[in-house]
Amino acid sequence: MSVSIPGGEFLTGSLDVISQSLTIPVLVILLIIVVISIITLGGVISEYTSRKKVPVGTVRDLIYKINSAASVDELKSIIESAEIPKSQKKVLTEIASSSALDNNSREALARKLVEYEEEKTDKTLQKTDIITRVGPTLGLMGTLIPMGPGLAALGAGDVNTLAESLTLAFNTTIVGIGSGALCYVIGKIRSGWYDRYLSDLDALSDAVLDYMNKQ
């Protein structure tokens, strides 16, 4: 029913066309989100089975070894034989190889290398963060869009169209909320892993940096 203002029929008709035209894009994006969520779930399972778990004691002992190294070559050997992820070894080795730099430049290099690792983790978490926020929103859109034709069909006594609209509405709600919830859990799990990873890297890079600055 159009509003009782001049041009009301045109305005409500335009809004109806716009809202209904969003049905296909919303459904397509929801399907893409489901696929991405499933792939991400597989990725986090694979990451869990392959990631190197580093106890606090290992980091503590490594800091002591770094501090007691007799030379830069021994420091590099300690880093290479340490039971830490390869990406951490790469950063620490690069800091240990910066003997040609002065203290300020070496600190800048270490800071940049650690920031780069932070950017990589942020990029990994960004995908799940987006789905966590967008998934339920699209699910709500997919719920409300079919309700217009469904209510109109109810007024006309068309029960079949109403049933189809309600089915579509419920399905999109489930998919949107389910994908958002799954990615929220995945994001929380990965965030804990990466916070620990960056904390270890920050402590170890500071230890290597202090050693190099004393040389």
N, C-alpha and C. Protein backbone atom coordinates (compact mmCIF):
# COMPACT_ATOMS: atom_id res chain seq x y z
N MET A 1 0.86 -1.20 0.00
CA MET A 1 0.00 0.00 0.00
C MET A 1 0.88 1.23 0.00
N SER A 2 0.60 2.18 -0.84
CA SER A 2 1.42 3.37 -0.95
C SER A 2 1.08 4.35 0.14
N VAL A 3 2.05 5.20 0.49
CA VAL A 3 1.83 6.23 1.50
C VAL A 3 1.01 7.35 0.90
N SER A 4 0.25 8.07 1.78
CA SER A 4 -0.65 9.10 1.30
C SER A 4 0.04 10.45 1.17
N ILE A 5 1.07 10.49 0.31
CA ILE A 5 1.76 11.73 -0.01
C ILE A 5 1.97 11.75 -1.51
N PRO A 6 2.14 12.95 -2.08
CA PRO A 6 2.38 13.01 -3.53
C PRO A 6 3.60 12.20 -3.92
N GLY A 7 3.42 11.37 -4.90
CA GLY A 7 4.53 10.52 -5.36
C GLY A 7 4.78 9.32 -4.47
N GLY A 8 3.92 9.07 -3.50
CA GLY A 8 4.12 7.98 -2.57
C GLY A 8 4.17 6.62 -3.25
N GLU A 9 3.32 6.43 -4.23
CA GLU A 9 3.29 5.14 -4.94
C GLU A 9 4.60 4.90 -5.67
N PHE A 10 5.13 5.97 -6.27
CA PHE A 10 6.41 5.83 -6.98
C PHE A 10 7.55 5.51 -6.00
N LEU A 11 7.55 6.19 -4.85
CA LEU A 11 8.61 5.98 -3.87
C LEU A 11 8.58 4.57 -3.31
N THR A 12 7.39 4.14 -2.89
CA THR A 12 7.30 2.79 -2.33
C THR A 12 7.59 1.73 -3.38
N GLY A 13 7.17 1.99 -4.60
CA GLY A 13 7.48 1.04 -5.68
C GLY A 13 8.96 0.95 -5.94
N SER A 14 9.64 2.11 -5.91
CA SER A 14 11.09 2.14 -6.13
C SER A 14 11.82 1.38 -5.02
N LEU A 15 11.40 1.62 -3.77
CA LEU A 15 12.03 0.91 -2.66
C LEU A 15 11.80 -0.59 -2.76
N ASP A 16 10.62 -0.99 -3.22
CA ASP A 16 10.33 -2.41 -3.37
C ASP A 16 11.22 -3.04 -4.43
N VAL A 17 11.40 -2.32 -5.55
CA VAL A 17 12.27 -2.84 -6.62
C VAL A 17 13.70 -2.96 -6.13
N ILE A 18 14.16 -1.93 -5.40
CA ILE A 18 15.54 -1.96 -4.90
C ILE A 18 15.74 -3.12 -3.93
N SER A 19 14.82 -3.27 -2.98
CA SER A 19 14.97 -4.33 -1.99
C SER A 19 14.92 -5.72 -2.62
N GLN A 20 14.01 -5.91 -3.55
CA GLN A 20 13.90 -7.22 -4.19
C GLN A 20 15.09 -7.51 -5.11
N SER A 21 15.66 -6.45 -5.69
CA SER A 21 16.83 -6.65 -6.56
C SER A 21 18.06 -7.08 -5.77
N LEU A 22 18.03 -6.90 -4.46
CA LEU A 22 19.16 -7.31 -3.62
C LEU A 22 19.11 -8.78 -3.25
N THR A 23 18.02 -9.46 -3.58
CA THR A 23 17.86 -10.86 -3.18
C THR A 23 18.98 -11.73 -3.72
N ILE A 24 19.20 -11.68 -5.03
CA ILE A 24 20.23 -12.54 -5.65
C ILE A 24 21.62 -12.20 -5.13
N PRO A 25 22.04 -10.89 -5.10
CA PRO A 25 23.37 -10.59 -4.56
C PRO A 25 23.56 -11.08 -3.13
N VAL A 26 22.53 -10.92 -2.29
CA VAL A 26 22.65 -11.38 -0.90
C VAL A 26 22.83 -12.89 -0.84
N LEU A 27 22.05 -13.63 -1.63
CA LEU A 27 22.17 -15.09 -1.64
C LEU A 27 23.54 -15.54 -2.15
N VAL A 28 24.02 -14.87 -3.21
CA VAL A 28 25.33 -15.23 -3.76
C VAL A 28 26.43 -14.97 -2.75
N ILE A 29 26.40 -13.81 -2.10
CA ILE A 29 27.42 -13.49 -1.11
C ILE A 29 27.37 -14.44 0.07
N LEU A 30 26.17 -14.81 0.49
CA LEU A 30 26.04 -15.78 1.59
C LEU A 30 26.65 -17.13 1.22
N LEU A 31 26.43 -17.56 -0.02
CA LEU A 31 27.04 -18.81 -0.47
C LEU A 31 28.56 -18.71 -0.48
N ILE A 32 29.08 -17.57 -0.92
CA ILE A 32 30.53 -17.36 -0.92
C ILE A 32 31.06 -17.39 0.51
N ILE A 33 30.32 -16.75 1.43
CA ILE A 33 30.73 -16.73 2.83
C ILE A 33 30.77 -18.14 3.41
N VAL A 34 29.77 -18.97 3.06
CA VAL A 34 29.76 -20.36 3.54
C VAL A 34 31.00 -21.11 3.06
N VAL A 35 31.32 -20.94 1.77
CA VAL A 35 32.50 -21.62 1.22
C VAL A 35 33.77 -21.16 1.92
N ILE A 36 33.91 -19.84 2.09
CA ILE A 36 35.09 -19.30 2.76
C ILE A 36 35.17 -19.81 4.20
N SER A 37 34.03 -19.87 4.88
CA SER A 37 34.02 -20.35 6.27
C SER A 37 34.47 -21.80 6.37
N ILE A 38 34.01 -22.63 5.44
CA ILE A 38 34.41 -24.05 5.45
C ILE A 38 35.90 -24.18 5.16
N ILE A 39 36.38 -23.42 4.17
CA ILE A 39 37.82 -23.46 3.85
C ILE A 39 38.65 -22.97 5.04
N THR A 40 38.17 -21.92 5.69
CA THR A 40 38.88 -21.38 6.85
C THR A 40 38.91 -22.38 7.99
N LEU A 41 37.80 -23.11 8.19
CA LEU A 41 37.77 -24.14 9.22
C LEU A 41 38.80 -25.23 8.94
N GLY A 42 38.87 -25.65 7.67
CA GLY A 42 39.90 -26.62 7.30
C GLY A 42 41.30 -26.09 7.52
N GLY A 43 41.48 -24.78 7.22
CA GLY A 43 42.80 -24.17 7.40
C GLY A 43 43.21 -24.11 8.86
N VAL A 44 42.27 -23.80 9.75
CA VAL A 44 42.62 -23.69 11.17
C VAL A 44 42.89 -25.08 11.76
N ILE A 45 42.20 -26.10 11.26
CA ILE A 45 42.49 -27.47 11.71
C ILE A 45 43.89 -27.89 11.27
N SER A 46 44.22 -27.57 10.01
CA SER A 46 45.55 -27.89 9.50
C SER A 46 46.63 -27.12 10.26
N GLU A 47 46.33 -25.86 10.56
CA GLU A 47 47.29 -25.03 11.30
C GLU A 47 47.50 -25.57 12.71
N TYR A 48 46.43 -26.07 13.32
CA TYR A 48 46.54 -26.60 14.68
C TYR A 48 47.44 -27.85 14.71
N THR A 49 47.29 -28.70 13.71
CA THR A 49 48.07 -29.95 13.69
C THR A 49 49.53 -29.71 13.33
N SER A 50 49.83 -28.62 12.64
CA SER A 50 51.19 -28.39 12.16
C SER A 50 51.95 -27.32 12.96
N ARG A 51 51.23 -26.51 13.75
CA ARG A 51 51.90 -25.42 14.44
C ARG A 51 52.81 -25.94 15.55
N LYS A 52 53.90 -25.23 15.74
CA LYS A 52 54.87 -25.61 16.76
C LYS A 52 54.46 -24.97 18.09
N LYS A 53 54.18 -25.78 19.07
CA LYS A 53 53.79 -25.28 20.38
C LYS A 53 55.04 -25.01 21.21
N VAL A 54 55.23 -23.77 21.62
CA VAL A 54 56.43 -23.36 22.34
C VAL A 54 56.08 -23.07 23.80
N PRO A 55 56.51 -23.92 24.73
CA PRO A 55 56.24 -23.66 26.16
C PRO A 55 56.98 -22.41 26.64
N VAL A 56 56.49 -21.85 27.74
CA VAL A 56 57.14 -20.67 28.32
C VAL A 56 58.56 -21.00 28.73
N GLY A 57 58.77 -22.20 29.24
CA GLY A 57 60.11 -22.60 29.67
C GLY A 57 61.11 -22.59 28.52
N THR A 58 60.66 -22.97 27.34
CA THR A 58 61.55 -22.97 26.18
C THR A 58 62.00 -21.55 25.84
N VAL A 59 61.06 -20.61 25.87
CA VAL A 59 61.41 -19.21 25.59
C VAL A 59 62.35 -18.67 26.66
N ARG A 60 62.08 -19.01 27.91
CA ARG A 60 62.93 -18.55 29.02
C ARG A 60 64.36 -19.08 28.87
N ASP A 61 64.48 -20.38 28.60
CA ASP A 61 65.82 -20.96 28.44
C ASP A 61 66.54 -20.38 27.24
N LEU A 62 65.81 -20.10 26.18
CA LEU A 62 66.42 -19.55 24.98
C LEU A 62 66.95 -18.14 25.25
N ILE A 63 66.22 -17.37 26.04
CA ILE A 63 66.69 -16.02 26.37
C ILE A 63 67.99 -16.09 27.15
N TYR A 64 68.09 -17.03 28.10
CA TYR A 64 69.33 -17.21 28.85
C TYR A 64 70.48 -17.62 27.93
N LYS A 65 70.20 -18.52 26.99
CA LYS A 65 71.25 -18.95 26.05
C LYS A 65 71.71 -17.80 25.17
N ILE A 66 70.75 -17.01 24.72
CA ILE A 66 71.10 -15.85 23.88
C ILE A 66 71.99 -14.89 24.66
N ASN A 67 71.66 -14.65 25.90
CA ASN A 67 72.41 -13.70 26.72
C ASN A 67 73.83 -14.19 27.02
N SER A 68 74.00 -15.52 27.06
CA SER A 68 75.32 -16.08 27.40
C SER A 68 76.12 -16.52 26.18
N ALA A 69 75.68 -16.19 24.99
CA ALA A 69 76.41 -16.57 23.77
C ALA A 69 77.79 -15.92 23.75
N ALA A 70 78.81 -16.69 23.34
CA ALA A 70 80.18 -16.18 23.33
C ALA A 70 80.49 -15.33 22.12
N SER A 71 79.73 -15.51 21.05
CA SER A 71 79.96 -14.74 19.82
C SER A 71 78.67 -14.66 19.02
N VAL A 72 78.72 -13.83 17.99
CA VAL A 72 77.55 -13.69 17.12
C VAL A 72 77.28 -14.99 16.38
N ASP A 73 78.34 -15.68 15.97
CA ASP A 73 78.16 -16.96 15.28
C ASP A 73 77.49 -17.98 16.19
N GLU A 74 77.90 -17.98 17.47
CA GLU A 74 77.24 -18.90 18.42
C GLU A 74 75.79 -18.49 18.65
N LEU A 75 75.54 -17.20 18.64
CA LEU A 75 74.17 -16.71 18.79
C LEU A 75 73.29 -17.22 17.64
N LYS A 76 73.82 -17.13 16.43
CA LYS A 76 73.06 -17.62 15.28
C LYS A 76 72.83 -19.12 15.37
N SER A 77 73.83 -19.84 15.86
CA SER A 77 73.68 -21.29 16.02
C SER A 77 72.61 -21.63 17.06
N ILE A 78 72.57 -20.84 18.14
CA ILE A 78 71.56 -21.05 19.17
C ILE A 78 70.16 -20.82 18.60
N ILE A 79 70.04 -19.77 17.82
CA ILE A 79 68.73 -19.45 17.21
C ILE A 79 68.32 -20.55 16.25
N GLU A 80 69.26 -21.02 15.44
CA GLU A 80 68.95 -22.02 14.42
C GLU A 80 68.53 -23.35 15.05
N SER A 81 69.11 -23.69 16.18
CA SER A 81 68.79 -24.97 16.83
C SER A 81 67.62 -24.87 17.81
N ALA A 82 67.09 -23.68 18.00
CA ALA A 82 66.00 -23.48 18.95
C ALA A 82 64.71 -24.13 18.44
N GLU A 83 63.89 -24.60 19.37
CA GLU A 83 62.61 -25.23 19.02
C GLU A 83 61.51 -24.17 18.97
N ILE A 84 61.62 -23.31 17.98
CA ILE A 84 60.65 -22.23 17.76
C ILE A 84 60.27 -22.24 16.28
N PRO A 85 59.17 -21.59 15.90
CA PRO A 85 58.76 -21.56 14.49
C PRO A 85 59.84 -20.97 13.58
N LYS A 86 59.86 -21.43 12.34
CA LYS A 86 60.85 -20.96 11.38
C LYS A 86 60.74 -19.46 11.13
N SER A 87 59.53 -18.93 11.15
CA SER A 87 59.35 -17.51 10.92
C SER A 87 60.01 -16.69 12.02
N GLN A 88 59.97 -17.18 13.26
CA GLN A 88 60.66 -16.49 14.35
C GLN A 88 62.16 -16.59 14.19
N LYS A 89 62.64 -17.76 13.79
CA LYS A 89 64.08 -17.93 13.55
C LYS A 89 64.58 -16.96 12.49
N LYS A 90 63.77 -16.78 11.44
CA LYS A 90 64.17 -15.87 10.36
C LYS A 90 64.33 -14.45 10.87
N VAL A 91 63.38 -13.99 11.67
CA VAL A 91 63.46 -12.63 12.21
C VAL A 91 64.66 -12.48 13.13
N LEU A 92 64.84 -13.43 14.05
CA LEU A 92 65.94 -13.34 15.01
C LEU A 92 67.30 -13.43 14.32
N THR A 93 67.39 -14.28 13.31
CA THR A 93 68.66 -14.40 12.58
C THR A 93 68.99 -13.11 11.84
N GLU A 94 67.97 -12.46 11.28
CA GLU A 94 68.21 -11.21 10.57
C GLU A 94 68.68 -10.12 11.53
N ILE A 95 68.12 -10.11 12.73
CA ILE A 95 68.58 -9.13 13.72
C ILE A 95 70.02 -9.44 14.14
N ALA A 96 70.32 -10.74 14.31
CA ALA A 96 71.67 -11.14 14.70
C ALA A 96 72.70 -10.87 13.61
N SER A 97 72.24 -10.74 12.38
CA SER A 97 73.15 -10.49 11.25
C SER A 97 73.33 -9.00 10.96
N SER A 98 72.82 -8.15 11.86
CA SER A 98 72.86 -6.70 11.62
C SER A 98 74.02 -6.02 12.34
N SER A 99 75.15 -6.71 12.43
CA SER A 99 76.30 -6.16 13.15
C SER A 99 76.87 -4.91 12.47
N ALA A 100 76.59 -4.73 11.19
CA ALA A 100 77.11 -3.56 10.48
C ALA A 100 76.32 -2.29 10.81
N LEU A 101 75.17 -2.42 11.45
CA LEU A 101 74.33 -1.28 11.78
C LEU A 101 74.65 -0.74 13.16
N ASP A 102 74.37 0.55 13.37
CA ASP A 102 74.50 1.10 14.72
C ASP A 102 73.26 0.72 15.53
N ASN A 103 73.28 1.05 16.81
CA ASN A 103 72.21 0.61 17.71
C ASN A 103 70.83 1.11 17.28
N ASN A 104 70.74 2.38 16.91
CA ASN A 104 69.45 2.94 16.52
C ASN A 104 68.89 2.28 15.27
N SER A 105 69.76 2.07 14.29
CA SER A 105 69.31 1.43 13.04
C SER A 105 68.92 -0.02 13.29
N ARG A 106 69.66 -0.68 14.17
CA ARG A 106 69.34 -2.07 14.48
C ARG A 106 67.98 -2.17 15.18
N GLU A 107 67.72 -1.26 16.08
CA GLU A 107 66.43 -1.24 16.76
C GLU A 107 65.29 -0.96 15.78
N ALA A 108 65.55 -0.07 14.82
CA ALA A 108 64.54 0.23 13.81
C ALA A 108 64.26 -1.01 12.95
N LEU A 109 65.33 -1.73 12.61
CA LEU A 109 65.17 -2.96 11.82
C LEU A 109 64.36 -3.99 12.59
N ALA A 110 64.70 -4.19 13.87
CA ALA A 110 63.99 -5.17 14.68
C ALA A 110 62.53 -4.80 14.81
N ARG A 111 62.26 -3.53 15.02
CA ARG A 111 60.87 -3.08 15.16
C ARG A 111 60.09 -3.31 13.87
N LYS A 112 60.73 -3.04 12.75
CA LYS A 112 60.06 -3.23 11.46
C LYS A 112 59.78 -4.71 11.18
N LEU A 113 60.72 -5.57 11.52
CA LEU A 113 60.53 -7.00 11.30
C LEU A 113 59.38 -7.55 12.15
N VAL A 114 59.31 -7.10 13.40
CA VAL A 114 58.23 -7.55 14.27
C VAL A 114 56.89 -6.99 13.79
N GLU A 115 56.88 -5.74 13.34
CA GLU A 115 55.65 -5.14 12.82
C GLU A 115 55.16 -5.89 11.58
N TYR A 116 56.10 -6.35 10.76
CA TYR A 116 55.72 -7.10 9.57
C TYR A 116 55.03 -8.41 9.95
N GLU A 117 55.53 -9.08 11.00
CA GLU A 117 54.88 -10.29 11.48
C GLU A 117 53.48 -9.98 12.02
N GLU A 118 53.34 -8.84 12.68
CA GLU A 118 52.03 -8.43 13.18
C GLU A 118 51.06 -8.17 12.03
N GLU A 119 51.56 -7.56 10.96
CA GLU A 119 50.72 -7.29 9.79
C GLU A 119 50.24 -8.60 9.16
N LYS A 120 51.10 -9.61 9.13
CA LYS A 120 50.71 -10.89 8.56
C LYS A 120 49.61 -11.56 9.38
N THR A 121 49.73 -11.50 10.69
CA THR A 121 48.69 -12.09 11.54
C THR A 121 47.39 -11.30 11.44
N ASP A 122 47.50 -9.98 11.37
CA ASP A 122 46.29 -9.15 11.23
C ASP A 122 45.56 -9.47 9.92
N LYS A 123 46.33 -9.68 8.87
CA LYS A 123 45.74 -9.99 7.57
C LYS A 123 45.01 -11.33 7.61
N THR A 124 45.57 -12.28 8.34
CA THR A 124 44.93 -13.59 8.47
C THR A 124 43.63 -13.49 9.26
N LEU A 125 43.64 -12.67 10.32
CA LEU A 125 42.45 -12.52 11.15
C LEU A 125 41.38 -11.65 10.51
N GLN A 126 41.79 -10.82 9.56
CA GLN A 126 40.85 -9.86 8.97
C GLN A 126 39.69 -10.56 8.25
N LYS A 127 39.98 -11.66 7.59
CA LYS A 127 38.96 -12.37 6.82
C LYS A 127 37.83 -12.86 7.73
N THR A 128 38.21 -13.51 8.85
CA THR A 128 37.19 -14.01 9.76
C THR A 128 36.47 -12.87 10.47
N ASP A 129 37.18 -11.79 10.73
CA ASP A 129 36.53 -10.63 11.37
C ASP A 129 35.44 -10.06 10.47
N ILE A 130 35.73 -9.99 9.17
CA ILE A 130 34.74 -9.45 8.23
C ILE A 130 33.51 -10.34 8.18
N ILE A 131 33.72 -11.65 8.09
CA ILE A 131 32.58 -12.57 8.03
C ILE A 131 31.78 -12.54 9.33
N THR A 132 32.47 -12.41 10.46
CA THR A 132 31.79 -12.34 11.75
C THR A 132 30.79 -11.18 11.79
N ARG A 133 31.16 -10.07 11.15
CA ARG A 133 30.28 -8.89 11.17
C ARG A 133 29.29 -8.89 10.01
N VAL A 134 29.74 -9.32 8.83
CA VAL A 134 28.90 -9.23 7.64
C VAL A 134 27.91 -10.40 7.55
N GLY A 135 28.32 -11.58 8.00
CA GLY A 135 27.46 -12.76 7.88
C GLY A 135 26.08 -12.58 8.51
N PRO A 136 25.99 -12.23 9.80
CA PRO A 136 24.66 -12.03 10.40
C PRO A 136 23.88 -10.89 9.76
N THR A 137 24.58 -9.85 9.29
CA THR A 137 23.89 -8.73 8.64
C THR A 137 23.23 -9.18 7.34
N LEU A 138 23.97 -9.95 6.55
CA LEU A 138 23.40 -10.46 5.30
C LEU A 138 22.29 -11.47 5.59
N GLY A 139 22.47 -12.25 6.67
CA GLY A 139 21.41 -13.18 7.05
C GLY A 139 20.13 -12.45 7.41
N LEU A 140 20.26 -11.31 8.09
CA LEU A 140 19.08 -10.51 8.42
C LEU A 140 18.45 -9.92 7.16
N MET A 141 19.30 -9.44 6.24
CA MET A 141 18.76 -8.93 4.98
C MET A 141 18.02 -10.02 4.22
N GLY A 142 18.63 -11.22 4.19
CA GLY A 142 17.98 -12.33 3.52
C GLY A 142 16.70 -12.76 4.18
N THR A 143 16.55 -12.41 5.46
CA THR A 143 15.30 -12.71 6.17
C THR A 143 14.21 -11.71 5.83
N LEU A 144 14.58 -10.44 5.81
CA LEU A 144 13.59 -9.39 5.64
C LEU A 144 13.14 -9.21 4.19
N ILE A 145 14.06 -9.40 3.25
CA ILE A 145 13.71 -9.15 1.84
C ILE A 145 12.54 -10.02 1.37
N PRO A 146 12.54 -11.35 1.63
CA PRO A 146 11.41 -12.16 1.15
C PRO A 146 10.11 -11.93 1.92
N MET A 147 10.21 -11.27 3.07
CA MET A 147 9.01 -11.09 3.88
C MET A 147 7.99 -10.17 3.21
N GLY A 148 8.47 -9.20 2.40
CA GLY A 148 7.56 -8.31 1.68
C GLY A 148 6.63 -9.07 0.75
N PRO A 149 7.20 -9.81 -0.21
CA PRO A 149 6.34 -10.62 -1.09
C PRO A 149 5.53 -11.67 -0.32
N GLY A 150 6.12 -12.20 0.77
CA GLY A 150 5.41 -13.20 1.54
C GLY A 150 4.16 -12.64 2.20
N LEU A 151 4.29 -11.45 2.78
CA LEU A 151 3.12 -10.83 3.40
C LEU A 151 2.08 -10.43 2.37
N ALA A 152 2.58 -9.97 1.21
CA ALA A 152 1.65 -9.62 0.13
C ALA A 152 0.89 -10.87 -0.34
N ALA A 153 1.62 -11.99 -0.42
CA ALA A 153 0.98 -13.24 -0.82
C ALA A 153 -0.03 -13.70 0.23
N LEU A 154 0.29 -13.47 1.50
CA LEU A 154 -0.64 -13.84 2.57
C LEU A 154 -1.95 -13.05 2.44
N GLY A 155 -1.81 -11.76 2.11
CA GLY A 155 -3.01 -10.94 1.92
C GLY A 155 -3.85 -11.41 0.75
N ALA A 156 -3.19 -11.97 -0.26
CA ALA A 156 -3.91 -12.47 -1.43
C ALA A 156 -4.35 -13.92 -1.28
N GLY A 157 -4.01 -14.53 -0.15
CA GLY A 157 -4.40 -15.92 0.07
C GLY A 157 -3.51 -16.92 -0.62
N ASP A 158 -2.31 -16.49 -1.08
CA ASP A 158 -1.38 -17.40 -1.76
C ASP A 158 -0.45 -18.01 -0.72
N VAL A 159 -0.84 -19.16 -0.19
CA VAL A 159 -0.09 -19.79 0.89
C VAL A 159 1.23 -20.36 0.39
N ASN A 160 1.27 -20.84 -0.84
CA ASN A 160 2.50 -21.43 -1.38
C ASN A 160 3.62 -20.41 -1.47
N THR A 161 3.31 -19.20 -1.98
CA THR A 161 4.32 -18.14 -2.07
C THR A 161 4.78 -17.73 -0.68
N LEU A 162 3.85 -17.66 0.26
CA LEU A 162 4.21 -17.32 1.64
C LEU A 162 5.17 -18.37 2.22
N ALA A 163 4.89 -19.63 1.98
CA ALA A 163 5.74 -20.70 2.50
C ALA A 163 7.14 -20.63 1.90
N GLU A 164 7.22 -20.36 0.59
CA GLU A 164 8.53 -20.23 -0.07
C GLU A 164 9.31 -19.06 0.50
N SER A 165 8.63 -17.94 0.74
CA SER A 165 9.30 -16.75 1.28
C SER A 165 9.82 -17.01 2.68
N LEU A 166 9.01 -17.68 3.51
CA LEU A 166 9.43 -17.97 4.87
C LEU A 166 10.60 -18.96 4.90
N THR A 167 10.57 -19.94 4.00
CA THR A 167 11.67 -20.91 3.91
C THR A 167 12.97 -20.21 3.56
N LEU A 168 12.91 -19.33 2.55
CA LEU A 168 14.10 -18.57 2.15
C LEU A 168 14.58 -17.70 3.29
N ALA A 169 13.65 -17.06 4.00
CA ALA A 169 14.01 -16.18 5.11
C ALA A 169 14.73 -16.96 6.20
N PHE A 170 14.20 -18.12 6.58
CA PHE A 170 14.82 -18.91 7.65
C PHE A 170 16.18 -19.46 7.21
N ASN A 171 16.29 -19.90 5.97
CA ASN A 171 17.55 -20.46 5.48
C ASN A 171 18.66 -19.42 5.50
N THR A 172 18.35 -18.22 5.02
CA THR A 172 19.39 -17.18 4.99
C THR A 172 19.78 -16.76 6.41
N THR A 173 18.83 -16.76 7.32
CA THR A 173 19.15 -16.43 8.71
C THR A 173 20.11 -17.45 9.30
N ILE A 174 19.82 -18.72 9.09
CA ILE A 174 20.66 -19.79 9.63
C ILE A 174 22.07 -19.72 9.04
N VAL A 175 22.14 -19.53 7.72
CA VAL A 175 23.45 -19.49 7.06
C VAL A 175 24.26 -18.30 7.54
N GLY A 176 23.62 -17.13 7.60
CA GLY A 176 24.34 -15.92 8.00
C GLY A 176 24.84 -15.99 9.42
N ILE A 177 23.95 -16.37 10.36
CA ILE A 177 24.34 -16.45 11.76
C ILE A 177 25.34 -17.58 12.00
N GLY A 178 25.12 -18.72 11.33
CA GLY A 178 26.03 -19.85 11.50
C GLY A 178 27.43 -19.53 11.01
N SER A 179 27.54 -18.89 9.85
CA SER A 179 28.87 -18.53 9.32
C SER A 179 29.55 -17.52 10.23
N GLY A 180 28.77 -16.54 10.70
CA GLY A 180 29.35 -15.54 11.60
C GLY A 180 29.84 -16.15 12.89
N ALA A 181 29.06 -17.08 13.47
CA ALA A 181 29.45 -17.72 14.72
C ALA A 181 30.70 -18.59 14.53
N LEU A 182 30.74 -19.33 13.42
CA LEU A 182 31.90 -20.18 13.15
C LEU A 182 33.17 -19.35 13.01
N CYS A 183 33.08 -18.27 12.24
CA CYS A 183 34.26 -17.42 12.03
C CYS A 183 34.65 -16.67 13.29
N TYR A 184 33.67 -16.39 14.15
CA TYR A 184 33.99 -15.74 15.43
C TYR A 184 34.84 -16.68 16.29
N VAL A 185 34.44 -17.95 16.35
CA VAL A 185 35.20 -18.93 17.14
C VAL A 185 36.59 -19.12 16.55
N ILE A 186 36.66 -19.24 15.22
CA ILE A 186 37.96 -19.41 14.56
C ILE A 186 38.86 -18.21 14.83
N GLY A 187 38.28 -17.01 14.73
CA GLY A 187 39.05 -15.80 14.97
C GLY A 187 39.59 -15.74 16.39
N LYS A 188 38.76 -16.14 17.37
CA LYS A 188 39.20 -16.15 18.76
C LYS A 188 40.34 -17.14 18.98
N ILE A 189 40.23 -18.31 18.39
CA ILE A 189 41.28 -19.32 18.53
C ILE A 189 42.58 -18.83 17.92
N ARG A 190 42.50 -18.33 16.70
CA ARG A 190 43.70 -17.84 16.03
C ARG A 190 44.29 -16.63 16.75
N SER A 191 43.44 -15.77 17.26
CA SER A 191 43.92 -14.59 17.97
C SER A 191 44.75 -14.98 19.18
N GLY A 192 44.31 -16.03 19.90
CA GLY A 192 45.10 -16.52 21.03
C GLY A 192 46.45 -17.06 20.59
N TRP A 193 46.45 -17.82 19.49
CA TRP A 193 47.72 -18.35 18.98
C TRP A 193 48.67 -17.22 18.59
N TYR A 194 48.15 -16.26 17.84
CA TYR A 194 49.00 -15.21 17.30
C TYR A 194 49.47 -14.24 18.39
N ASP A 195 48.64 -14.02 19.40
CA ASP A 195 49.08 -13.17 20.52
C ASP A 195 50.27 -13.81 21.23
N ARG A 196 50.19 -15.12 21.43
CA ARG A 196 51.29 -15.84 22.07
C ARG A 196 52.53 -15.83 21.17
N TYR A 197 52.32 -16.03 19.88
CA TYR A 197 53.42 -16.02 18.92
C TYR A 197 54.14 -14.67 18.93
N LEU A 198 53.38 -13.59 18.87
CA LEU A 198 53.98 -12.25 18.83
C LEU A 198 54.62 -11.89 20.16
N SER A 199 54.03 -12.35 21.26
CA SER A 199 54.63 -12.10 22.57
C SER A 199 55.99 -12.78 22.69
N ASP A 200 56.07 -14.03 22.23
CA ASP A 200 57.35 -14.75 22.25
C ASP A 200 58.36 -14.06 21.34
N LEU A 201 57.91 -13.68 20.16
CA LEU A 201 58.81 -13.04 19.20
C LEU A 201 59.33 -11.71 19.75
N ASP A 202 58.47 -10.95 20.41
CA ASP A 202 58.87 -9.67 20.97
C ASP A 202 59.93 -9.87 22.06
N ALA A 203 59.72 -10.86 22.93
CA ALA A 203 60.68 -11.12 24.00
C ALA A 203 62.02 -11.59 23.45
N LEU A 204 61.97 -12.49 22.48
CA LEU A 204 63.20 -13.03 21.91
C LEU A 204 63.95 -11.98 21.09
N SER A 205 63.23 -11.17 20.34
CA SER A 205 63.89 -10.13 19.55
C SER A 205 64.55 -9.09 20.46
N ASP A 206 63.91 -8.79 21.59
CA ASP A 206 64.53 -7.87 22.56
C ASP A 206 65.81 -8.46 23.13
N ALA A 207 65.81 -9.77 23.39
CA ALA A 207 67.00 -10.43 23.92
C ALA A 207 68.14 -10.39 22.91
N VAL A 208 67.82 -10.70 21.64
CA VAL A 208 68.86 -10.65 20.60
C VAL A 208 69.34 -9.22 20.40
N LEU A 209 68.44 -8.28 20.43
CA LEU A 209 68.77 -6.88 20.23
C LEU A 209 69.70 -6.39 21.36
N ASP A 210 69.38 -6.74 22.60
CA ASP A 210 70.24 -6.34 23.72
C ASP A 210 71.64 -6.94 23.59
N TYR A 211 71.70 -8.20 23.16
CA TYR A 211 73.00 -8.84 22.97
C TYR A 211 73.83 -8.13 21.89
N MET A 212 73.15 -7.83 20.77
CA MET A 212 73.87 -7.19 19.67
C MET A 212 74.32 -5.77 20.04
N ASN A 213 73.53 -5.08 20.82
CA ASN A 213 73.89 -3.71 21.20
C ASN A 213 75.09 -3.67 22.16
N LYS A 214 75.34 -4.80 22.83
CA LYS A 214 76.49 -4.86 23.75
C LYS A 214 77.77 -5.20 23.04
N GLN A 215 77.67 -5.63 21.78
CA GLN A 215 78.87 -6.05 21.05
C GLN A 215 79.68 -4.85 20.56
